[in-house]
Protein backbone atom coordinates (compact mmCIF):
# COMPACT_ATOMS: atom_id res chain seq x y z
CA MET A 1 -42.94 -46.62 7.33
CA ALA A 2 -40.55 -46.35 10.25
CA ASN A 3 -39.33 -49.94 10.08
CA ARG A 4 -39.35 -52.51 7.32
CA PRO A 5 -39.71 -56.28 7.40
CA GLN A 6 -36.42 -58.15 7.64
CA ALA A 7 -34.29 -58.56 4.54
CA SER A 8 -35.06 -62.29 4.43
CA SER A 9 -38.56 -61.47 3.13
CA ALA A 10 -37.46 -58.55 0.97
CA GLY A 11 -37.89 -60.53 -2.25
CA TYR A 12 -41.61 -60.77 -1.71
CA LEU A 13 -42.00 -57.22 -0.41
CA SER A 14 -39.79 -55.45 -2.93
CA PRO A 15 -40.26 -52.93 -4.38
CA ALA A 16 -42.40 -50.91 -2.00
CA GLY A 17 -46.17 -50.97 -2.46
CA PRO A 18 -48.97 -50.29 -2.70
CA ARG A 19 -49.72 -53.90 -3.51
CA VAL A 20 -52.81 -55.39 -5.11
CA LEU A 21 -53.40 -59.00 -4.06
CA ALA A 22 -55.86 -60.76 -6.34
CA HIS A 23 -58.13 -62.68 -3.95
CA ARG A 24 -58.43 -66.20 -5.38
CA GLY A 25 -57.42 -64.71 -8.71
CA LEU A 26 -59.83 -62.65 -10.80
CA ALA A 27 -63.08 -64.61 -10.86
CA VAL A 28 -65.17 -62.20 -12.93
CA ASP A 29 -65.22 -64.62 -15.87
CA ALA A 30 -63.51 -67.64 -14.34
CA PRO A 31 -64.03 -69.97 -11.37
CA GLU A 32 -62.22 -68.79 -8.24
CA ASN A 33 -58.84 -70.30 -7.31
CA THR A 34 -58.29 -71.84 -10.73
CA LEU A 35 -55.44 -71.42 -13.16
CA LEU A 36 -57.80 -69.48 -15.41
CA ALA A 37 -58.69 -67.04 -12.59
CA PHE A 38 -54.98 -66.57 -11.91
CA ALA A 39 -54.28 -65.96 -15.60
CA ARG A 40 -57.11 -63.40 -15.74
CA ALA A 41 -55.64 -61.51 -12.77
CA ILE A 42 -52.15 -61.54 -14.23
CA ALA A 43 -53.43 -60.37 -17.61
CA ALA A 44 -55.01 -57.41 -15.81
CA GLY A 45 -51.61 -56.56 -14.35
CA ALA A 46 -51.65 -58.29 -10.95
CA GLN A 47 -48.27 -59.31 -9.56
CA TYR A 48 -49.70 -60.93 -6.43
CA ILE A 49 -52.18 -63.79 -6.18
CA GLU A 50 -53.87 -64.60 -2.87
CA THR A 51 -54.84 -68.25 -2.67
CA ASP A 52 -55.55 -71.15 -0.31
CA VAL A 53 -54.36 -74.72 0.06
CA HIS A 54 -55.72 -77.97 1.41
CA ALA A 55 -54.22 -81.45 1.06
CA SER A 56 -55.43 -84.14 -1.32
CA HIS A 57 -55.86 -87.74 -0.21
CA ASP A 58 -52.53 -88.63 -1.81
CA GLY A 59 -50.57 -85.78 -0.22
CA PHE A 60 -50.57 -82.94 -2.76
CA ALA A 61 -51.04 -79.29 -1.83
CA VAL A 62 -54.31 -78.43 -3.60
CA ILE A 63 -55.50 -74.94 -4.49
CA ALA A 64 -58.84 -74.75 -2.66
CA HIS A 65 -60.49 -72.45 -0.15
CA ASP A 66 -63.22 -74.70 1.24
CA PRO A 67 -62.58 -78.05 2.92
CA ASP A 68 -65.28 -79.65 0.74
CA LEU A 69 -66.74 -79.38 -2.77
CA LYS A 70 -70.31 -78.35 -1.86
CA ARG A 71 -70.10 -74.67 -2.77
CA VAL A 72 -67.82 -74.83 -5.82
CA ALA A 73 -68.93 -78.13 -7.39
CA GLY A 74 -72.17 -79.20 -5.67
CA ARG A 75 -70.64 -82.40 -4.34
CA ASP A 76 -70.80 -83.58 -0.73
CA VAL A 77 -67.20 -84.73 -0.50
CA ARG A 78 -64.13 -83.32 1.19
CA VAL A 79 -60.98 -82.29 -0.68
CA GLU A 80 -58.91 -84.61 1.50
CA GLN A 81 -60.99 -87.61 0.39
CA LEU A 82 -59.99 -87.30 -3.27
CA SER A 83 -56.69 -87.84 -5.05
CA MET A 84 -55.08 -85.06 -7.03
CA THR A 85 -56.00 -86.85 -10.24
CA GLU A 86 -59.65 -87.01 -9.17
CA LEU A 87 -59.65 -83.36 -8.13
CA ARG A 88 -58.28 -82.27 -11.51
CA ARG A 89 -61.27 -83.98 -13.15
CA ILE A 90 -63.86 -82.06 -11.11
CA ASP A 91 -65.78 -79.64 -13.34
CA LEU A 92 -65.55 -76.17 -11.79
CA GLY A 93 -66.74 -74.46 -14.96
CA HIS A 94 -64.94 -72.90 -17.93
CA ASP A 95 -63.07 -76.20 -18.45
CA GLN A 96 -61.34 -75.79 -15.10
CA GLY A 97 -60.65 -78.35 -12.40
CA PHE A 98 -58.71 -78.15 -9.18
CA SER A 99 -54.99 -77.56 -9.58
CA SER A 100 -52.03 -78.28 -7.37
CA LEU A 101 -49.92 -75.57 -5.81
CA ALA A 102 -47.02 -76.89 -7.87
CA GLU A 103 -48.94 -76.29 -11.10
CA ALA A 104 -49.72 -72.72 -10.07
CA LEU A 105 -46.16 -71.87 -9.04
CA ASP A 106 -44.72 -73.51 -12.16
CA GLY A 107 -47.33 -72.07 -14.50
CA PHE A 108 -46.82 -68.48 -13.34
CA PRO A 109 -43.12 -68.26 -12.52
CA GLU A 110 -42.98 -64.45 -12.36
CA THR A 111 -45.98 -64.13 -10.03
CA ARG A 112 -45.86 -63.84 -6.25
CA PHE A 113 -48.26 -65.97 -4.26
CA ASN A 114 -49.87 -65.31 -0.90
CA ILE A 115 -50.64 -68.81 0.40
CA ASP A 116 -53.17 -69.41 3.21
CA ILE A 117 -52.70 -72.90 4.65
CA LYS A 118 -56.18 -74.13 5.51
CA SER A 119 -55.47 -77.47 7.21
CA ALA A 120 -52.79 -79.20 9.24
CA ALA A 121 -52.46 -81.86 6.56
CA ALA A 122 -51.57 -79.18 4.00
CA VAL A 123 -48.51 -77.89 5.87
CA GLU A 124 -45.99 -80.53 4.78
CA PRO A 125 -47.00 -80.69 1.08
CA THR A 126 -47.05 -76.90 0.90
CA VAL A 127 -43.55 -76.60 2.32
CA ARG A 128 -42.30 -79.41 0.07
CA THR A 129 -43.82 -77.81 -3.02
CA ILE A 130 -42.37 -74.36 -2.31
CA LEU A 131 -38.92 -75.88 -1.82
CA GLN A 132 -39.16 -78.05 -4.94
CA GLN A 133 -40.26 -75.05 -6.99
CA ARG A 134 -37.50 -72.89 -5.46
CA ALA A 135 -40.20 -70.32 -4.78
CA SER A 136 -39.35 -69.22 -1.22
CA ASP A 137 -38.53 -65.68 -2.34
CA ARG A 138 -41.87 -65.18 -4.11
CA VAL A 139 -44.35 -66.56 -1.60
CA LEU A 140 -45.87 -65.31 1.62
CA VAL A 141 -47.12 -68.07 3.90
CA SER A 142 -50.06 -67.40 6.20
CA SER A 143 -52.68 -69.19 8.24
CA PHE A 144 -55.42 -68.32 10.69
CA SER A 145 -53.79 -70.96 12.90
CA GLU A 146 -50.49 -70.03 14.52
CA ARG A 147 -49.63 -73.71 14.85
CA ARG A 148 -49.94 -74.21 11.09
CA ARG A 149 -48.15 -70.97 10.27
CA ALA A 150 -45.25 -71.69 12.60
CA ALA A 151 -44.90 -75.27 11.38
CA ALA A 152 -44.70 -74.08 7.78
CA ILE A 153 -42.10 -71.38 8.32
CA ARG A 154 -39.87 -73.76 10.28
CA GLY A 155 -39.40 -75.55 6.99
CA LEU A 156 -38.99 -72.32 5.02
CA PRO A 157 -36.36 -70.18 6.75
CA GLY A 158 -36.63 -66.51 5.84
CA VAL A 159 -39.93 -66.82 3.97
CA ALA A 160 -42.33 -63.89 4.15
CA THR A 161 -45.19 -64.55 6.56
CA SER A 162 -48.20 -62.73 7.97
CA ALA A 163 -49.78 -62.78 11.40
CA SER A 164 -52.11 -65.53 12.52
CA ALA A 165 -55.15 -64.51 14.57
CA SER A 166 -53.43 -65.23 17.88
CA ARG A 167 -50.45 -63.09 16.90
CA PHE A 168 -52.52 -60.16 15.64
CA VAL A 169 -55.07 -59.83 18.46
CA PRO A 170 -52.51 -58.89 21.16
CA ALA A 171 -50.91 -56.43 18.76
CA LEU A 172 -54.27 -54.82 18.01
CA LEU A 173 -55.17 -54.45 21.68
CA ALA A 174 -51.72 -53.13 22.53
CA GLY A 175 -51.84 -50.71 19.62
CA LYS A 176 -55.15 -49.31 20.81
CA ALA A 177 -53.65 -48.89 24.28
CA GLY A 178 -50.55 -47.17 22.92
CA LEU A 179 -48.21 -49.94 24.11
CA ALA A 180 -45.70 -49.86 21.25
CA PRO A 181 -43.24 -52.36 22.80
CA VAL A 182 -46.03 -54.95 23.10
CA VAL A 183 -47.05 -54.39 19.47
CA ARG A 184 -43.46 -54.96 18.34
CA ARG A 185 -43.08 -58.04 20.51
CA SER A 186 -46.37 -59.53 19.31
CA LEU A 187 -45.40 -59.12 15.65
CA ARG A 188 -41.70 -59.96 15.87
CA GLY A 189 -40.51 -62.06 12.93
CA LEU A 190 -43.52 -61.28 10.76
CA SER A 191 -43.62 -59.47 7.43
CA ALA A 192 -47.24 -58.31 7.34
CA VAL A 193 -50.63 -58.29 8.96
CA GLN A 194 -53.46 -59.24 6.62
CA VAL A 195 -56.71 -58.36 8.28
CA PRO A 196 -60.22 -56.93 7.77
CA GLU A 197 -60.95 -53.29 8.43
CA ARG A 198 -62.35 -54.13 11.86
CA ALA A 199 -61.45 -56.88 14.32
CA LEU A 200 -62.96 -57.49 17.75
CA GLY A 201 -65.15 -54.47 17.07
CA LEU A 202 -62.05 -52.27 16.80
CA ALA A 203 -60.93 -50.28 13.77
CA VAL A 204 -57.70 -51.53 12.24
CA THR A 205 -57.43 -48.82 9.62
CA SER A 206 -57.10 -45.64 11.65
CA GLN A 207 -53.97 -43.68 10.78
CA ARG A 208 -52.70 -44.11 14.34
CA MET A 209 -53.13 -47.89 14.28
CA ILE A 210 -51.54 -48.23 10.85
CA ALA A 211 -48.59 -46.11 12.04
CA ARG A 212 -48.13 -48.33 15.09
CA LEU A 213 -48.14 -51.45 12.95
CA HIS A 214 -45.62 -49.86 10.61
CA ASP A 215 -43.44 -48.98 13.59
CA ALA A 216 -43.45 -52.69 14.44
CA GLY A 217 -41.91 -53.40 11.03
CA VAL A 218 -44.87 -55.00 9.26
CA GLU A 219 -46.90 -54.08 6.21
CA VAL A 220 -50.67 -53.68 6.51
CA HIS A 221 -52.81 -55.53 3.94
CA ILE A 222 -56.61 -55.17 4.21
CA TRP A 223 -59.18 -57.69 2.97
CA THR A 224 -61.51 -58.03 1.14
CA VAL A 225 -62.05 -54.60 -0.47
CA ASN A 226 -63.93 -54.36 -3.76
CA ASP A 227 -65.09 -50.74 -3.86
CA PRO A 228 -62.62 -48.46 -5.69
CA ASP A 229 -63.47 -45.42 -3.58
CA ARG A 230 -62.76 -47.33 -0.39
CA MET A 231 -59.54 -48.71 -1.86
CA ARG A 232 -58.38 -45.15 -2.53
CA GLU A 233 -59.30 -44.06 1.01
CA LEU A 234 -57.39 -46.95 2.56
CA LEU A 235 -54.31 -46.28 0.48
CA ASP A 236 -54.46 -42.61 1.48
CA LEU A 237 -54.51 -43.73 5.13
CA GLY A 238 -51.24 -45.59 4.59
CA VAL A 239 -52.35 -49.17 3.94
CA ASP A 240 -49.68 -51.10 2.01
CA GLY A 241 -51.85 -53.68 0.28
CA ILE A 242 -55.42 -54.30 -0.85
CA VAL A 243 -56.72 -57.86 -1.01
CA THR A 244 -59.58 -57.80 -3.49
CA ASP A 245 -61.88 -59.84 -5.70
CA ARG A 246 -61.56 -57.05 -8.27
CA ALA A 247 -57.85 -56.79 -8.95
CA ASP A 248 -58.68 -55.10 -12.25
CA LEU A 249 -60.39 -52.20 -10.46
CA ALA A 250 -57.75 -52.01 -7.72
CA LEU A 251 -54.94 -51.79 -10.26
CA GLU A 252 -56.71 -48.86 -11.92
CA VAL A 253 -56.86 -47.13 -8.53
CA VAL A 254 -53.17 -47.70 -7.90
CA ARG A 255 -52.24 -46.43 -11.35
CA SER A 256 -54.24 -43.27 -10.71
CA LEU A 257 -52.38 -42.36 -7.50
């Protein structure tokens, strides 16, 4: 990699990869985004957990991907309508309920967390929790929304952060056109891009594109990859991180390199 992310995010991105990011934990024998799923991933050897946060009705940062409980609990109610106490009582299976971000950071103090902020209401409690847990050096904050991402990092100076959609798209188009200065400008201040293999119908994972992103000083993390052969191919191309539902399989691939 020609350039590296700034030293302010070096705690999260040190040592060098490749990195395996356990997507919502390891939900092979546990409900996704629960403390049990996180414990399963860590037991398999994962050092990075990718997770998501919404806000509870009483202002807690809640570990949850969806805005409502339909898919994970069969209830037609939104996360933001319930208190943290009520959310903990929801039966997600395997004796698991929803947990707060604070519980996850406190329960796994050696683990690094990749936190996707899913709603505007979740920004303030997420920032507050990270500061209270003194976890700024072991989290990466991301969001599809640039407004949410920017608001969060204003409260977390120096925290690792990845590109929102509106920051990545210009970089992708400029990279395809060979406009290196535009790529660097589009990604300035970021630590990583965390993206699928294709965006806007364009390949993200060509060696040339990965090299141009590296030249801009960011790592390249690809989601969501569950096939070990494809993981190996991506790592051979120069990808820095694999976001996967099967952290156990991805860790075996990394160990075999």
